[in-house]
Structure formats: C-alpha cells, structure tokens
Amino acid sequence: MKRLATGLFALGLICLGTAPARAGSISKFFDRASFNAAVGPATVEPFPAKTVIGIGSGILNEFTNESGVVGSIVPGDIQPGVTYSTPVTSSFFLNIDEGLGFTGGFLDSANNEPDQPLSVSFNAATGAFAFDTNTNVMGPSFDLQINFSSGGPFVQNVALNTSVPISTLQFFGFESDAVDITSVQIEGTGAGFNFGVDNFTFAAVPEPPVSTLALLGLVSLAWRRSDR
C-alpha cells in the first residue's frame, strides 16, 4: 500500500508540474457579464478622468509621478498590479485622454507609428484579462500577443464590429486555462491611434481541473490507508 501511495504521489507531482502554459489555450469573451461569471473577482482599472498628454517615460503604473505636455499623473492614480508601457519617440506619446466614446479617461497613443504597441506587464502571473475599446481609436482590428510563464505566445489579429457607430464601446476578454499570463501586447490598426483601451481588467484564476482534484483525492486517500 505504501508503494501505491508513493506511486500516486509521484504521479500527482508529474501532473501538477506539467500542467499549464499551453500557448493557444485561450477562451475569448465578448461581453463583460460572461467574462465576470467565468473568472470571478477581478481588478478593473478605469483610468483617471483627466487628460495627460505625453507621459515622457512611456511607463504608467502605481508609482508614476510626472507631468506631461498637458496634465500630470501622480502615485495612486493607477491601481497596483500592472505596468502599462509603450516606446516613446519625438512624435509618439503615452496618453490618458477623455471623450471619443469612452467614460472617463482611457489609455492611448496617437500617430499610429508601426511597431508601437501597448505592453501590459503583470506583477504576478494572471489567468485572465479584458478591456473596452472602439473602432474610433483601435481601428477595425487589433494585433494581440499574450505571453506565458512558459511555452510560446498566443498571437492573433482580433476583429472589431465595424457595423456599429465608431464610438460604441466593445468588450474583449481573454482567459487562459492556467494562471500563466505574464504580459500582453496590443496594437490597433486604426489611422490615428496605435491603441486605445479603457477599464483594463485582470483576474487571478481558474480552479484546478476536476481530474487534478480527483487525483489529489486519490493520493490523500492512499496515504491515509497506508498509515493504518
């Protein structure tokens, strides 16, 4: 019986150790209610209702404290857990803007220079993320890259609904089957902006699959029996 327990324990370690990070194992959501039901509690960053043009460092997180060409951002304006960044050139900035169909502020960059995506890095690996956007700033589609703690990235061009008014907010959510998302890159295909996102959301995680729970139950049962 002890040998059986040892074997089951080893099998459990193997299954747990090889579980997660499969690039492409992503579920997509197009409404916030379904996303919330699937992922549970999450943090939503609405971005402050202010105009900050030209965040010179190109980095925005809970510690950012700087003045732009217009406006300023101070610690506490952004919730902890995420760093937003983009390359900065003489004509390309990271901005917080108001209007254009968004409620309050939204994060964007203008001029649509190539290879200037929004990079979102998580302080700790997460299982899901989401955001609102519209064709006014993102264009008819956006290029998405999701990076994992191991394995190759998930890369896809995601289409927006172009049959609705350009200012109509559209929701996009993505969930991995593990807590293994470390960063994300988003780049729109519009004419005037590289990207524009609002209500950026990130959540912890999926529950262990039933098969894993059942295996752990067997391991626990085998250990208890071996002790009798």
C-alpha atoms as a PDB file:
ATOM      1  CA  MET A   1       0.000   0.000   0.000  1.00  0.00           C
ATOM      2  CA  LYS A   2       2.864   2.377   0.753  1.00  0.00           C
ATOM      3  CA  ARG A   3       4.265   1.667  -2.712  1.00  0.00           C
ATOM      4  CA  LEU A   4       0.855   2.510  -4.207  1.00  0.00           C
ATOM      5  CA  ALA A   5       0.737   5.755  -2.219  1.00  0.00           C
ATOM      6  CA  THR A   6       4.250   6.651  -3.336  1.00  0.00           C
ATOM      7  CA  GLY A   7       3.358   5.957  -6.963  1.00  0.00           C
ATOM      8  CA  LEU A   8       0.198   8.032  -6.785  1.00  0.00           C
ATOM      9  CA  PHE A   9       2.072  10.851  -5.075  1.00  0.00           C
ATOM     10  CA  ALA A  10       4.737  10.853  -7.809  1.00  0.00           C
ATOM     11  CA  LEU A  11       2.040  10.811 -10.483  1.00  0.00           C
ATOM     12  CA  GLY A  12       0.395  13.771  -8.786  1.00  0.00           C
ATOM     13  CA  LEU A  13       3.647  15.724  -8.827  1.00  0.00           C
ATOM     14  CA  ILE A  14       4.157  14.945 -12.505  1.00  0.00           C
ATOM     15  CA  CYS A  15       0.645  16.096 -13.411  1.00  0.00           C
ATOM     16  CA  LEU A  16       0.901  19.233 -11.315  1.00  0.00           C
ATOM     17  CA  GLY A  17       4.368  20.022 -12.608  1.00  0.00           C
ATOM     18  CA  THR A  18       3.471  19.726 -16.285  1.00  0.00           C
ATOM     19  CA  ALA A  19       0.056  21.374 -16.134  1.00  0.00           C
ATOM     20  CA  PRO A  20      -0.274  24.747 -17.500  1.00  0.00           C
ATOM     21  CA  ALA A  21       1.275  27.044 -20.056  1.00  0.00           C
ATOM     22  CA  ARG A  22      -0.091  25.902 -23.350  1.00  0.00           C
ATOM     23  CA  ALA A  23       0.058  28.707 -25.867  1.00  0.00           C
ATOM     24  CA  GLY A  24      -3.269  28.935 -27.649  1.00  0.00           C
ATOM     25  CA  SER A  25      -5.300  27.507 -24.765  1.00  0.00           C
ATOM     26  CA  ILE A  26      -7.267  30.747 -24.528  1.00  0.00           C
ATOM     27  CA  SER A  27     -11.007  31.352 -24.172  1.00  0.00           C
ATOM     28  CA  LYS A  28     -12.388  34.599 -25.603  1.00  0.00           C
ATOM     29  CA  PHE A  29     -15.298  36.676 -24.294  1.00  0.00           C
ATOM     30  CA  PHE A  30     -17.199  39.489 -25.970  1.00  0.00           C
ATOM     31  CA  ASP A  31     -19.348  40.665 -23.070  1.00  0.00           C
ATOM     32  CA  ARG A  32     -18.318  41.585 -19.556  1.00  0.00           C
ATOM     33  CA  ALA A  33     -21.078  39.636 -17.813  1.00  0.00           C
ATOM     34  CA  SER A  34     -19.907  36.318 -19.281  1.00  0.00           C
ATOM     35  CA  PHE A  35     -16.279  37.160 -18.519  1.00  0.00           C
ATOM     36  CA  ASN A  36     -17.087  38.047 -14.904  1.00  0.00           C
ATOM     37  CA  ALA A  37     -19.062  34.835 -14.451  1.00  0.00           C
ATOM     38  CA  ALA A  38     -16.144  32.779 -15.768  1.00  0.00           C
ATOM     39  CA  VAL A  39     -13.221  34.407 -13.956  1.00  0.00           C
ATOM     40  CA  GLY A  40     -14.733  35.615 -10.682  1.00  0.00           C
ATOM     41  CA  PRO A  41     -13.305  38.570  -8.715  1.00  0.00           C
ATOM     42  CA  ALA A  42     -11.167  40.904 -10.807  1.00  0.00           C
ATOM     43  CA  THR A  43      -9.454  44.294 -10.659  1.00  0.00           C
ATOM     44  CA  VAL A  44     -10.721  46.951 -13.066  1.00  0.00           C
ATOM     45  CA  GLU A  45      -8.563  49.968 -13.980  1.00  0.00           C
ATOM     46  CA  PRO A  46     -10.899  52.708 -15.277  1.00  0.00           C
ATOM     47  CA  PHE A  47      -8.003  55.190 -15.728  1.00  0.00           C
ATOM     48  CA  PRO A  48      -8.452  58.622 -14.128  1.00  0.00           C
ATOM     49  CA  ALA A  49     -10.927  61.062 -15.649  1.00  0.00           C
ATOM     50  CA  LYS A  50      -8.233  63.541 -16.647  1.00  0.00           C
ATOM     51  CA  THR A  51      -6.205  64.484 -19.706  1.00  0.00           C
ATOM     52  CA  VAL A  52      -2.492  63.725 -19.528  1.00  0.00           C
ATOM     53  CA  ILE A  53      -0.753  64.131 -22.882  1.00  0.00           C
ATOM     54  CA  GLY A  54       2.819  62.937 -23.239  1.00  0.00           C
ATOM     55  CA  ILE A  55       3.838  60.729 -20.327  1.00  0.00           C
ATOM     56  CA  GLY A  56       7.516  61.165 -21.114  1.00  0.00           C
ATOM     57  CA  SER A  57       8.795  57.901 -19.654  1.00  0.00           C
ATOM     58  CA  GLY A  58       6.245  55.880 -21.588  1.00  0.00           C
ATOM     59  CA  ILE A  59       5.596  53.944 -18.363  1.00  0.00           C
ATOM     60  CA  LEU A  60       2.401  54.087 -16.341  1.00  0.00           C
ATOM     61  CA  ASN A  61       1.854  52.264 -13.054  1.00  0.00           C
ATOM     62  CA  GLU A  62       1.032  52.926  -9.407  1.00  0.00           C
ATOM     63  CA  PHE A  63       4.355  54.740  -8.927  1.00  0.00           C
ATOM     64  CA  THR A  64       4.219  57.090 -11.928  1.00  0.00           C
ATOM     65  CA  ASN A  65       4.690  60.699 -10.842  1.00  0.00           C
ATOM     66  CA  GLU A  66       5.307  63.084 -13.716  1.00  0.00           C
ATOM     67  CA  SER A  67       3.898  65.930 -15.742  1.00  0.00           C
ATOM     68  CA  GLY A  68       3.108  65.560 -19.402  1.00  0.00           C
ATOM     69  CA  VAL A  69       2.890  68.214 -22.083  1.00  0.00           C
ATOM     70  CA  VAL A  70      -0.649  68.574 -20.710  1.00  0.00           C
ATOM     71  CA  GLY A  71      -1.687  67.437 -17.229  1.00  0.00           C
ATOM     72  CA  SER A  72       0.067  65.204 -14.733  1.00  0.00           C
ATOM     73  CA  ILE A  73      -0.159  61.757 -13.198  1.00  0.00           C
ATOM     74  CA  VAL A  74       0.610  61.077  -9.533  1.00  0.00           C
ATOM     75  CA  PRO A  75       1.039  57.943  -7.399  1.00  0.00           C
ATOM     76  CA  GLY A  76      -2.359  56.492  -6.565  1.00  0.00           C
ATOM     77  CA  ASP A  77      -3.949  57.429  -9.893  1.00  0.00           C
ATOM     78  CA  ILE A  78      -3.290  53.901 -11.191  1.00  0.00           C
ATOM     79  CA  GLN A  79      -4.109  50.729  -9.284  1.00  0.00           C
ATOM     80  CA  PRO A  80      -1.278  48.332  -8.350  1.00  0.00           C
ATOM     81  CA  GLY A  81      -0.639  45.064 -10.134  1.00  0.00           C
ATOM     82  CA  VAL A  82       0.045  46.223 -13.688  1.00  0.00           C
ATOM     83  CA  THR A  83       2.581  48.311 -15.622  1.00  0.00           C
ATOM     84  CA  TYR A  84       1.473  49.845 -18.935  1.00  0.00           C
ATOM     85  CA  SER A  85       4.197  50.983 -21.311  1.00  0.00           C
ATOM     86  CA  THR A  86       4.975  51.867 -24.889  1.00  0.00           C
ATOM     87  CA  PRO A  87       8.060  53.085 -26.783  1.00  0.00           C
ATOM     88  CA  VAL A  88       8.284  56.880 -26.878  1.00  0.00           C
ATOM     89  CA  THR A  89       9.547  58.935 -29.829  1.00  0.00           C
ATOM     90  CA  SER A  90       9.561  62.655 -30.592  1.00  0.00           C
ATOM     91  CA  SER A  91       6.063  62.360 -32.058  1.00  0.00           C
ATOM     92  CA  PHE A  92       4.654  59.395 -30.171  1.00  0.00           C
ATOM     93  CA  PHE A  93       3.462  59.503 -26.573  1.00  0.00           C
ATOM     94  CA  LEU A  94       1.609  57.519 -23.953  1.00  0.00           C
ATOM     95  CA  ASN A  95      -1.519  59.483 -23.031  1.00  0.00           C
ATOM     96  CA  ILE A  96      -4.605  59.440 -20.862  1.00  0.00           C
ATOM     97  CA  ASP A  97      -7.487  61.122 -22.671  1.00  0.00           C
ATOM     98  CA  GLU A  98     -11.175  61.778 -22.177  1.00  0.00           C
ATOM     99  CA  GLY A  99     -14.018  61.512 -24.674  1.00  0.00           C
ATOM    100  CA  LEU A 100     -14.215  59.706 -28.032  1.00  0.00           C
ATOM    101  CA  GLY A 101     -16.970  57.448 -26.704  1.00  0.00           C
ATOM    102  CA  PHE A 102     -15.209  56.388 -23.502  1.00  0.00           C
ATOM    103  CA  THR A 103     -16.469  57.018 -19.973  1.00  0.00           C
ATOM    104  CA  GLY A 104     -13.869  58.993 -18.030  1.00  0.00           C
ATOM    105  CA  GLY A 105     -10.258  58.553 -19.053  1.00  0.00           C
ATOM    106  CA  PHE A 106      -8.796  55.962 -21.418  1.00  0.00           C
ATOM    107  CA  LEU A 107      -5.216  54.996 -22.251  1.00  0.00           C
ATOM    108  CA  ASP A 108      -3.989  55.656 -25.769  1.00  0.00           C
ATOM    109  CA  SER A 109      -1.218  56.780 -28.060  1.00  0.00           C
ATOM    110  CA  ALA A 110      -1.524  58.797 -31.241  1.00  0.00           C
ATOM    111  CA  ASN A 111       0.051  58.910 -34.718  1.00  0.00           C
ATOM    112  CA  ASN A 112      -0.135  55.163 -35.374  1.00  0.00           C
ATOM    113  CA  GLU A 113       3.560  54.635 -35.993  1.00  0.00           C
ATOM    114  CA  PRO A 114       4.341  50.977 -36.756  1.00  0.00           C
ATOM    115  CA  ASP A 115       5.598  48.641 -34.035  1.00  0.00           C
ATOM    116  CA  GLN A 116       4.487  50.870 -31.167  1.00  0.00           C
ATOM    117  CA  PRO A 117       2.149  48.558 -29.216  1.00  0.00           C
ATOM    118  CA  LEU A 118       0.815  48.887 -25.709  1.00  0.00           C
ATOM    119  CA  SER A 119       2.689  46.493 -23.438  1.00  0.00           C
ATOM    120  CA  VAL A 120       0.935  45.365 -20.259  1.00  0.00           C
ATOM    121  CA  SER A 121       3.092  43.543 -17.702  1.00  0.00           C
ATOM    122  CA  PHE A 122       1.543  41.900 -14.650  1.00  0.00           C
ATOM    123  CA  ASN A 123       3.305  41.992 -11.276  1.00  0.00           C
ATOM    124  CA  ALA A 124       2.258  38.375 -10.797  1.00  0.00           C
ATOM    125  CA  ALA A 125       1.034  35.918 -13.409  1.00  0.00           C
ATOM    126  CA  THR A 126      -2.697  36.158 -14.003  1.00  0.00           C
ATOM    127  CA  GLY A 127      -5.306  33.882 -15.508  1.00  0.00           C
ATOM    128  CA  ALA A 128      -7.415  36.407 -17.423  1.00  0.00           C
ATOM    129  CA  PHE A 129      -7.590  39.986 -18.654  1.00  0.00           C
ATOM    130  CA  ALA A 130     -10.036  42.195 -20.538  1.00  0.00           C
ATOM    131  CA  PHE A 131     -10.620  45.739 -21.762  1.00  0.00           C
ATOM    132  CA  ASP A 132     -13.035  48.039 -23.584  1.00  0.00           C
ATOM    133  CA  THR A 133     -12.200  49.768 -26.844  1.00  0.00           C
ATOM    134  CA  ASN A 134     -13.866  51.058 -30.019  1.00  0.00           C
ATOM    135  CA  THR A 135     -13.125  51.451 -33.701  1.00  0.00           C
ATOM    136  CA  ASN A 136     -12.691  55.198 -33.180  1.00  0.00           C
ATOM    137  CA  VAL A 137      -9.249  54.623 -31.637  1.00  0.00           C
ATOM    138  CA  MET A 138      -8.383  50.960 -32.269  1.00  0.00           C
ATOM    139  CA  GLY A 139      -9.468  50.744 -35.897  1.00  0.00           C
ATOM    140  CA  PRO A 140     -11.161  47.719 -37.488  1.00  0.00           C
ATOM    141  CA  SER A 141      -8.952  45.213 -35.637  1.00  0.00           C
ATOM    142  CA  PHE A 142      -6.014  44.871 -33.263  1.00  0.00           C
ATOM    143  CA  ASP A 143      -2.988  42.623 -33.073  1.00  0.00           C
ATOM    144  CA  LEU A 144      -2.761  40.742 -29.788  1.00  0.00           C
ATOM    145  CA  GLN A 145       0.130  38.830 -28.262  1.00  0.00           C
ATOM    146  CA  ILE A 146      -0.270  37.018 -24.940  1.00  0.00           C
ATOM    147  CA  ASN A 147       2.947  35.858 -23.254  1.00  0.00           C
ATOM    148  CA  PHE A 148       3.030  32.991 -20.775  1.00  0.00           C
ATOM    149  CA  SER A 149       5.329  31.952 -17.956  1.00  0.00           C
ATOM    150  CA  SER A 150       6.434  29.077 -20.194  1.00  0.00           C
ATOM    151  CA  GLY A 151       5.684  27.988 -23.726  1.00  0.00           C
ATOM    152  CA  GLY A 152       5.237  30.098 -26.827  1.00  0.00           C
ATOM    153  CA  PRO A 153       2.966  33.143 -27.109  1.00  0.00           C
ATOM    154  CA  PHE A 154      -0.628  33.310 -28.311  1.00  0.00           C
ATOM    155  CA  VAL A 155      -0.735  35.658 -31.326  1.00  0.00           C
ATOM    156  CA  GLN A 156      -3.892  36.715 -33.115  1.00  0.00           C
ATOM    157  CA  ASN A 157      -5.446  39.566 -35.067  1.00  0.00           C
ATOM    158  CA  VAL A 158      -8.812  40.283 -33.424  1.00  0.00           C
ATOM    159  CA  ALA A 159     -11.597  41.970 -35.410  1.00  0.00           C
ATOM    160  CA  LEU A 160     -13.905  44.635 -34.025  1.00  0.00           C
ATOM    161  CA  ASN A 161     -17.528  45.044 -35.064  1.00  0.00           C
ATOM    162  CA  THR A 162     -17.401  47.720 -37.769  1.00  0.00           C
ATOM    163  CA  SER A 163     -21.173  47.783 -38.321  1.00  0.00           C
ATOM    164  CA  VAL A 164     -21.805  49.841 -35.163  1.00  0.00           C
ATOM    165  CA  PRO A 165     -21.029  53.550 -34.612  1.00  0.00           C
ATOM    166  CA  ILE A 166     -17.309  54.169 -34.201  1.00  0.00           C
ATOM    167  CA  SER A 167     -17.727  55.412 -30.622  1.00  0.00           C
ATOM    168  CA  THR A 168     -19.572  52.269 -29.452  1.00  0.00           C
ATOM    169  CA  LEU A 169     -17.574  50.533 -26.723  1.00  0.00           C
ATOM    170  CA  GLN A 170     -16.726  46.910 -27.455  1.00  0.00           C
ATOM    171  CA  PHE A 171     -15.565  44.413 -24.836  1.00  0.00           C
ATOM    172  CA  PHE A 172     -12.797  41.856 -25.292  1.00  0.00           C
ATOM    173  CA  GLY A 173     -11.823  39.321 -22.640  1.00  0.00           C
ATOM    174  CA  PHE A 174      -9.274  36.501 -22.684  1.00  0.00           C
ATOM    175  CA  GLU A 175      -8.838  33.664 -20.196  1.00  0.00           C
ATOM    176  CA  SER A 176      -6.062  31.076 -20.016  1.00  0.00           C
ATOM    177  CA  ASP A 177      -6.699  27.640 -18.563  1.00  0.00           C
ATOM    178  CA  ALA A 178      -3.919  28.352 -16.043  1.00  0.00           C
ATOM    179  CA  VAL A 179      -2.517  31.266 -14.066  1.00  0.00           C
ATOM    180  CA  ASP A 180       0.316  31.743 -16.520  1.00  0.00           C
ATOM    181  CA  ILE A 181      -0.201  35.062 -18.361  1.00  0.00           C
ATOM    182  CA  THR A 182       2.771  37.318 -17.636  1.00  0.00           C
ATOM    183  CA  SER A 183       2.322  40.111 -20.186  1.00  0.00           C
ATOM    184  CA  VAL A 184       0.261  41.261 -23.152  1.00  0.00           C
ATOM    185  CA  GLN A 185       0.879  43.401 -26.237  1.00  0.00           C
ATOM    186  CA  ILE A 186      -1.952  45.236 -28.016  1.00  0.00           C
ATOM    187  CA  GLU A 187      -1.623  47.247 -31.226  1.00  0.00           C
ATOM    188  CA  GLY A 188      -4.547  48.677 -33.174  1.00  0.00           C
ATOM    189  CA  THR A 189      -4.850  49.084 -36.925  1.00  0.00           C
ATOM    190  CA  GLY A 190      -6.544  52.492 -36.939  1.00  0.00           C
ATOM    191  CA  ALA A 191      -5.346  55.557 -38.829  1.00  0.00           C
ATOM    192  CA  GLY A 192      -4.868  57.943 -35.913  1.00  0.00           C
ATOM    193  CA  PHE A 193      -4.028  55.865 -32.836  1.00  0.00           C
ATOM    194  CA  ASN A 194      -1.787  52.902 -32.064  1.00  0.00           C
ATOM    195  CA  PHE A 195      -4.220  51.713 -29.403  1.00  0.00           C
ATOM    196  CA  GLY A 196      -6.931  52.892 -27.043  1.00  0.00           C
ATOM    197  CA  VAL A 197      -8.161  50.878 -24.061  1.00  0.00           C
ATOM    198  CA  ASP A 198     -10.356  51.508 -21.041  1.00  0.00           C
ATOM    199  CA  ASN A 199     -11.478  49.520 -17.996  1.00  0.00           C
ATOM    200  CA  PHE A 200      -8.483  47.228 -18.244  1.00  0.00           C
ATOM    201  CA  THR A 201      -9.309  44.173 -16.134  1.00  0.00           C
ATOM    202  CA  PHE A 202      -7.143  41.409 -14.723  1.00  0.00           C
ATOM    203  CA  ALA A 203      -8.110  38.454 -12.599  1.00  0.00           C
ATOM    204  CA  ALA A 204      -6.463  35.623 -10.822  1.00  0.00           C
ATOM    205  CA  VAL A 205      -7.548  32.261 -11.843  1.00  0.00           C
ATOM    206  CA  PRO A 206      -9.119  29.142 -12.942  1.00  0.00           C
ATOM    207  CA  GLU A 207      -9.889  26.416 -10.443  1.00  0.00           C
ATOM    208  CA  PRO A 208      -7.839  23.206 -10.787  1.00  0.00           C
ATOM    209  CA  PRO A 209      -9.424  20.834 -13.310  1.00  0.00           C
ATOM    210  CA  VAL A 210     -11.666  18.117 -11.903  1.00  0.00           C
ATOM    211  CA  SER A 211      -9.179  15.428 -12.970  1.00  0.00           C
ATOM    212  CA  THR A 212      -6.443  17.074 -10.889  1.00  0.00           C
ATOM    213  CA  LEU A 213      -8.715  17.361  -7.866  1.00  0.00           C
ATOM    214  CA  ALA A 214      -9.711  13.713  -8.216  1.00  0.00           C
ATOM    215  CA  LEU A 215      -6.055  12.674  -8.458  1.00  0.00           C
ATOM    216  CA  LEU A 216      -5.173  14.634  -5.342  1.00  0.00           C
ATOM    217  CA  GLY A 217      -8.088  12.971  -3.581  1.00  0.00           C
ATOM    218  CA  LEU A 218      -6.739   9.542  -4.506  1.00  0.00           C
ATOM    219  CA  VAL A 219      -3.285  10.486  -3.284  1.00  0.00           C
ATOM    220  CA  SER A 220      -4.700  11.687   0.024  1.00  0.00           C
ATOM    221  CA  LEU A 221      -6.819   8.546   0.418  1.00  0.00           C
ATOM    222  CA  ALA A 222      -3.880   6.261  -0.396  1.00  0.00           C
ATOM    223  CA  TRP A 223      -1.702   7.978   2.211  1.00  0.00           C
ATOM    224  CA  ARG A 224      -4.384   7.691   4.864  1.00  0.00           C
ATOM    225  CA  ARG A 225      -4.857   3.971   4.158  1.00  0.00           C
ATOM    226  CA  SER A 226      -1.124   3.307   4.192  1.00  0.00           C
ATOM    227  CA  ASP A 227      -0.923   4.749   7.700  1.00  0.00           C
ATOM    228  CA  ARG A 228      -3.421   2.275   9.147  1.00  0.00           C
END
